[in-house]
Amino acid sequence: MEQRDWTDGHVERWKPVLPELDPDVEGAVTRMKKLSVHLRRVREQSLVDFDLDRQEFDTLHKLAGRGGKAAPSELAADLDLAPASVTGRLDALERRGFVRRTPSTTDRRRVDVELTAAGRSTWVGAMDVLGNEEERLLGVLDKDERGLLNAMLRRVMVVAEARGGAAWD
């Protein structure tokens, strides 16, 4: 017999109330929501553990995603923020030793922001906590099952994105 989870009971409670309820759709959507909430909590705890607030982590994450070096204007675009907002974030991260600003080697009017070893280490540590939990959860699936799950979710996301669900970050 297959193991049951919280969602099985949820679907059983609602099926008599809403006879037209598709238990597979309700089960899948409810499980995705609960997994999303669980992973958000793990991420939030990792930020606490690494003494980062969400804005600091997001900025380090975007900088790391650009290879550890970017112009403030690039970070502002990546974060969808006004340049002045990014300046405040960078000031705080620089005080903590997580980033450094250096004159650009290609344009004297510009500065580059670089991730320091401490910034990279802190970002990687926070990322590892979440990554380990994702591996733990999806580790119950073999490689082919993970590929199938990923492909099925991609098909669902394509439909969601086509409806104008652009703000996913």
C-alpha atoms as a PDB file:
ATOM      1  CA  MET A   1       0.000   0.000   0.000  1.00  0.00           C
ATOM      2  CA  GLU A   2       1.257   3.439  -0.919  1.00  0.00           C
ATOM      3  CA  GLN A   3       2.117   5.806   1.915  1.00  0.00           C
ATOM      4  CA  ARG A   4      -0.345   8.587   2.652  1.00  0.00           C
ATOM      5  CA  ASP A   5       0.422  12.228   3.301  1.00  0.00           C
ATOM      6  CA  TRP A   6      -1.507  15.199   4.694  1.00  0.00           C
ATOM      7  CA  THR A   7      -2.897  16.030   1.246  1.00  0.00           C
ATOM      8  CA  ASP A   8      -4.649  12.658   0.948  1.00  0.00           C
ATOM      9  CA  GLY A   9      -6.787  13.552   3.968  1.00  0.00           C
ATOM     10  CA  HIS A  10      -7.359  17.067   2.591  1.00  0.00           C
ATOM     11  CA  VAL A  11      -8.676  15.689  -0.715  1.00  0.00           C
ATOM     12  CA  GLU A  12     -10.893  13.151   1.078  1.00  0.00           C
ATOM     13  CA  ARG A  13     -12.443  15.934   3.200  1.00  0.00           C
ATOM     14  CA  TRP A  14     -13.221  18.118   0.174  1.00  0.00           C
ATOM     15  CA  LYS A  15     -14.441  15.465  -2.259  1.00  0.00           C
ATOM     16  CA  PRO A  16     -17.913  15.139  -0.612  1.00  0.00           C
ATOM     17  CA  VAL A  17     -18.241  18.935  -0.431  1.00  0.00           C
ATOM     18  CA  LEU A  18     -17.201  19.430  -4.067  1.00  0.00           C
ATOM     19  CA  PRO A  19     -18.104  16.219  -5.952  1.00  0.00           C
ATOM     20  CA  GLU A  20     -16.716  17.648  -9.219  1.00  0.00           C
ATOM     21  CA  LEU A  21     -13.276  18.100  -7.597  1.00  0.00           C
ATOM     22  CA  ASP A  22     -10.576  16.272  -9.543  1.00  0.00           C
ATOM     23  CA  PRO A  23      -8.546  14.571  -6.792  1.00  0.00           C
ATOM     24  CA  ASP A  24      -5.435  14.405  -8.967  1.00  0.00           C
ATOM     25  CA  VAL A  25      -5.494  18.135  -9.747  1.00  0.00           C
ATOM     26  CA  GLU A  26      -6.299  19.080  -6.150  1.00  0.00           C
ATOM     27  CA  GLY A  27      -3.665  16.696  -4.844  1.00  0.00           C
ATOM     28  CA  ALA A  28      -0.940  17.926  -7.209  1.00  0.00           C
ATOM     29  CA  VAL A  29      -1.668  21.627  -6.641  1.00  0.00           C
ATOM     30  CA  THR A  30      -1.907  21.234  -2.870  1.00  0.00           C
ATOM     31  CA  ARG A  31       1.345  19.267  -2.747  1.00  0.00           C
ATOM     32  CA  MET A  32       3.137  21.881  -4.897  1.00  0.00           C
ATOM     33  CA  LYS A  33       1.899  24.641  -2.574  1.00  0.00           C
ATOM     34  CA  LYS A  34       2.969  22.759   0.557  1.00  0.00           C
ATOM     35  CA  LEU A  35       6.382  21.934  -0.929  1.00  0.00           C
ATOM     36  CA  SER A  36       6.824  25.574  -1.928  1.00  0.00           C
ATOM     37  CA  VAL A  37       6.000  26.724   1.607  1.00  0.00           C
ATOM     38  CA  HIS A  38       8.349  24.109   3.082  1.00  0.00           C
ATOM     39  CA  LEU A  39      11.248  25.150   0.824  1.00  0.00           C
ATOM     40  CA  ARG A  40      10.578  28.839   1.559  1.00  0.00           C
ATOM     41  CA  ARG A  41      10.836  28.099   5.290  1.00  0.00           C
ATOM     42  CA  VAL A  42      14.088  26.201   4.791  1.00  0.00           C
ATOM     43  CA  ARG A  43      15.476  29.142   2.778  1.00  0.00           C
ATOM     44  CA  GLU A  44      14.368  31.644   5.436  1.00  0.00           C
ATOM     45  CA  GLN A  45      16.014  29.558   8.167  1.00  0.00           C
ATOM     46  CA  SER A  46      19.223  29.359   6.133  1.00  0.00           C
ATOM     47  CA  LEU A  47      19.225  33.156   5.916  1.00  0.00           C
ATOM     48  CA  VAL A  48      18.862  33.368   9.698  1.00  0.00           C
ATOM     49  CA  ASP A  49      21.634  30.810  10.137  1.00  0.00           C
ATOM     50  CA  PHE A  50      23.960  32.835   7.893  1.00  0.00           C
ATOM     51  CA  ASP A  51      22.883  36.202   9.338  1.00  0.00           C
ATOM     52  CA  LEU A  52      21.560  37.472   6.007  1.00  0.00           C
ATOM     53  CA  ASP A  53      18.389  39.324   5.283  1.00  0.00           C
ATOM     54  CA  ARG A  54      16.459  38.547   2.121  1.00  0.00           C
ATOM     55  CA  GLN A  55      17.697  41.656   0.294  1.00  0.00           C
ATOM     56  CA  GLU A  56      21.326  40.854   1.073  1.00  0.00           C
ATOM     57  CA  PHE A  57      20.927  37.288  -0.120  1.00  0.00           C
ATOM     58  CA  ASP A  58      19.121  38.366  -3.315  1.00  0.00           C
ATOM     59  CA  THR A  59      21.889  40.840  -4.124  1.00  0.00           C
ATOM     60  CA  LEU A  60      24.661  38.301  -3.459  1.00  0.00           C
ATOM     61  CA  HIS A  61      22.720  35.753  -5.525  1.00  0.00           C
ATOM     62  CA  LYS A  62      22.373  38.050  -8.539  1.00  0.00           C
ATOM     63  CA  LEU A  63      26.034  39.041  -8.282  1.00  0.00           C
ATOM     64  CA  ALA A  64      27.118  35.393  -8.071  1.00  0.00           C
ATOM     65  CA  GLY A  65      24.922  34.672 -11.089  1.00  0.00           C
ATOM     66  CA  ARG A  66      26.978  37.161 -13.070  1.00  0.00           C
ATOM     67  CA  GLY A  67      30.194  35.358 -12.241  1.00  0.00           C
ATOM     68  CA  GLY A  68      30.861  37.405  -9.111  1.00  0.00           C
ATOM     69  CA  LYS A  69      31.388  40.730 -10.872  1.00  0.00           C
ATOM     70  CA  ALA A  70      28.908  43.266 -12.244  1.00  0.00           C
ATOM     71  CA  ALA A  71      28.179  46.939 -12.632  1.00  0.00           C
ATOM     72  CA  PRO A  72      25.677  48.398 -10.164  1.00  0.00           C
ATOM     73  CA  SER A  73      23.376  49.192 -13.099  1.00  0.00           C
ATOM     74  CA  GLU A  74      23.388  45.515 -14.110  1.00  0.00           C
ATOM     75  CA  LEU A  75      22.468  44.491 -10.570  1.00  0.00           C
ATOM     76  CA  ALA A  76      19.716  47.111 -10.496  1.00  0.00           C
ATOM     77  CA  ALA A  77      18.260  45.625 -13.690  1.00  0.00           C
ATOM     78  CA  ASP A  78      18.595  42.057 -12.372  1.00  0.00           C
ATOM     79  CA  LEU A  79      16.907  43.003  -9.097  1.00  0.00           C
ATOM     80  CA  ASP A  80      14.323  45.236 -10.811  1.00  0.00           C
ATOM     81  CA  LEU A  81      15.286  48.115  -8.527  1.00  0.00           C
ATOM     82  CA  ALA A  82      16.181  51.758  -8.875  1.00  0.00           C
ATOM     83  CA  PRO A  83      19.950  52.344  -8.915  1.00  0.00           C
ATOM     84  CA  ALA A  84      19.740  54.289  -5.636  1.00  0.00           C
ATOM     85  CA  SER A  85      18.219  51.249  -3.914  1.00  0.00           C
ATOM     86  CA  VAL A  86      21.064  49.066  -5.131  1.00  0.00           C
ATOM     87  CA  THR A  87      23.607  51.587  -3.858  1.00  0.00           C
ATOM     88  CA  GLY A  88      22.183  51.242  -0.347  1.00  0.00           C
ATOM     89  CA  ARG A  89      22.337  47.462  -0.549  1.00  0.00           C
ATOM     90  CA  LEU A  90      25.901  47.540  -1.817  1.00  0.00           C
ATOM     91  CA  ASP A  91      26.926  49.937   0.966  1.00  0.00           C
ATOM     92  CA  ALA A  92      25.626  47.475   3.568  1.00  0.00           C
ATOM     93  CA  LEU A  93      27.220  44.451   1.880  1.00  0.00           C
ATOM     94  CA  GLU A  94      30.529  46.285   1.534  1.00  0.00           C
ATOM     95  CA  ARG A  95      30.509  47.164   5.259  1.00  0.00           C
ATOM     96  CA  ARG A  96      30.064  43.456   6.008  1.00  0.00           C
ATOM     97  CA  GLY A  97      32.960  42.538   3.717  1.00  0.00           C
ATOM     98  CA  PHE A  98      30.779  40.601   1.271  1.00  0.00           C
ATOM     99  CA  VAL A  99      31.441  42.818  -1.764  1.00  0.00           C
ATOM    100  CA  ARG A 100      34.002  45.370  -2.857  1.00  0.00           C
ATOM    101  CA  ARG A 101      33.739  48.139  -5.396  1.00  0.00           C
ATOM    102  CA  THR A 102      36.628  48.762  -7.724  1.00  0.00           C
ATOM    103  CA  PRO A 103      37.121  51.167 -10.607  1.00  0.00           C
ATOM    104  CA  SER A 104      36.135  49.584 -13.895  1.00  0.00           C
ATOM    105  CA  THR A 105      39.029  48.517 -16.090  1.00  0.00           C
ATOM    106  CA  THR A 106      37.024  49.376 -19.211  1.00  0.00           C
ATOM    107  CA  ASP A 107      35.289  52.652 -18.269  1.00  0.00           C
ATOM    108  CA  ARG A 108      36.762  55.212 -15.844  1.00  0.00           C
ATOM    109  CA  ARG A 109      33.278  56.569 -15.039  1.00  0.00           C
ATOM    110  CA  ARG A 110      32.058  53.210 -13.797  1.00  0.00           C
ATOM    111  CA  VAL A 111      32.720  50.960 -10.817  1.00  0.00           C
ATOM    112  CA  ASP A 112      32.502  47.211 -10.728  1.00  0.00           C
ATOM    113  CA  VAL A 113      31.079  45.288  -7.791  1.00  0.00           C
ATOM    114  CA  GLU A 114      32.903  42.100  -6.912  1.00  0.00           C
ATOM    115  CA  LEU A 115      31.894  39.287  -4.612  1.00  0.00           C
ATOM    116  CA  THR A 116      34.569  38.778  -1.939  1.00  0.00           C
ATOM    117  CA  ALA A 117      35.633  35.374  -0.637  1.00  0.00           C
ATOM    118  CA  ALA A 118      33.528  36.028   2.490  1.00  0.00           C
ATOM    119  CA  GLY A 119      30.526  37.006   0.363  1.00  0.00           C
ATOM    120  CA  ARG A 120      30.855  33.943  -1.849  1.00  0.00           C
ATOM    121  CA  SER A 121      31.296  31.658   1.160  1.00  0.00           C
ATOM    122  CA  THR A 122      28.211  33.076   2.881  1.00  0.00           C
ATOM    123  CA  TRP A 123      26.124  32.864  -0.290  1.00  0.00           C
ATOM    124  CA  VAL A 124      27.266  29.284  -1.008  1.00  0.00           C
ATOM    125  CA  GLY A 125      26.549  28.258   2.595  1.00  0.00           C
ATOM    126  CA  ALA A 126      23.009  29.596   2.460  1.00  0.00           C
ATOM    127  CA  MET A 127      22.480  27.997  -0.966  1.00  0.00           C
ATOM    128  CA  ASP A 128      23.810  24.638   0.240  1.00  0.00           C
ATOM    129  CA  VAL A 129      21.211  24.435   3.005  1.00  0.00           C
ATOM    130  CA  LEU A 130      18.387  24.760   0.491  1.00  0.00           C
ATOM    131  CA  GLY A 131      20.118  22.580  -2.085  1.00  0.00           C
ATOM    132  CA  ASN A 132      20.613  19.805   0.453  1.00  0.00           C
ATOM    133  CA  GLU A 133      16.922  19.893   1.359  1.00  0.00           C
ATOM    134  CA  GLU A 134      15.906  19.819  -2.303  1.00  0.00           C
ATOM    135  CA  GLU A 135      18.187  16.798  -2.813  1.00  0.00           C
ATOM    136  CA  ARG A 136      16.737  15.110   0.272  1.00  0.00           C
ATOM    137  CA  LEU A 137      13.173  15.568  -0.972  1.00  0.00           C
ATOM    138  CA  LEU A 138      13.727  14.667  -4.614  1.00  0.00           C
ATOM    139  CA  GLY A 139      16.158  11.922  -3.655  1.00  0.00           C
ATOM    140  CA  VAL A 140      13.158   9.602  -3.239  1.00  0.00           C
ATOM    141  CA  LEU A 141      12.873   9.675  -7.048  1.00  0.00           C
ATOM    142  CA  ASP A 142      15.348   7.982  -9.360  1.00  0.00           C
ATOM    143  CA  LYS A 143      17.017   9.927 -12.168  1.00  0.00           C
ATOM    144  CA  ASP A 144      14.346   9.037 -14.743  1.00  0.00           C
ATOM    145  CA  GLU A 145      11.518   9.988 -12.369  1.00  0.00           C
ATOM    146  CA  ARG A 146      13.168  13.356 -11.624  1.00  0.00           C
ATOM    147  CA  GLY A 147      13.476  13.978 -15.367  1.00  0.00           C
ATOM    148  CA  LEU A 148       9.824  13.069 -15.904  1.00  0.00           C
ATOM    149  CA  LEU A 149       8.687  15.301 -13.024  1.00  0.00           C
ATOM    150  CA  ASN A 150      10.769  18.167 -14.398  1.00  0.00           C
ATOM    151  CA  ALA A 151       9.347  17.705 -17.909  1.00  0.00           C
ATOM    152  CA  MET A 152       5.761  17.572 -16.640  1.00  0.00           C
ATOM    153  CA  LEU A 153       6.206  20.694 -14.515  1.00  0.00           C
ATOM    154  CA  ARG A 154       7.769  22.472 -17.503  1.00  0.00           C
ATOM    155  CA  ARG A 155       4.624  21.724 -19.547  1.00  0.00           C
ATOM    156  CA  VAL A 156       2.476  23.202 -16.783  1.00  0.00           C
ATOM    157  CA  MET A 157       4.729  26.270 -16.474  1.00  0.00           C
ATOM    158  CA  VAL A 158       4.612  26.948 -20.219  1.00  0.00           C
ATOM    159  CA  VAL A 159       0.814  27.216 -19.935  1.00  0.00           C
ATOM    160  CA  ALA A 160       1.087  29.429 -16.822  1.00  0.00           C
ATOM    161  CA  GLU A 161       3.636  31.728 -18.465  1.00  0.00           C
ATOM    162  CA  ALA A 162       1.530  32.018 -21.617  1.00  0.00           C
ATOM    163  CA  ARG A 163      -1.291  33.451 -19.496  1.00  0.00           C
ATOM    164  CA  GLY A 164       0.964  36.346 -18.450  1.00  0.00           C
ATOM    165  CA  GLY A 165       2.412  34.990 -15.220  1.00  0.00           C
ATOM    166  CA  ALA A 166       5.662  36.859 -15.750  1.00  0.00           C
ATOM    167  CA  ALA A 167       6.689  37.706 -12.172  1.00  0.00           C
ATOM    168  CA  TRP A 168       8.165  34.387 -11.035  1.00  0.00           C
ATOM    169  CA  ASP A 169      11.226  35.520  -9.087  1.00  0.00           C
END
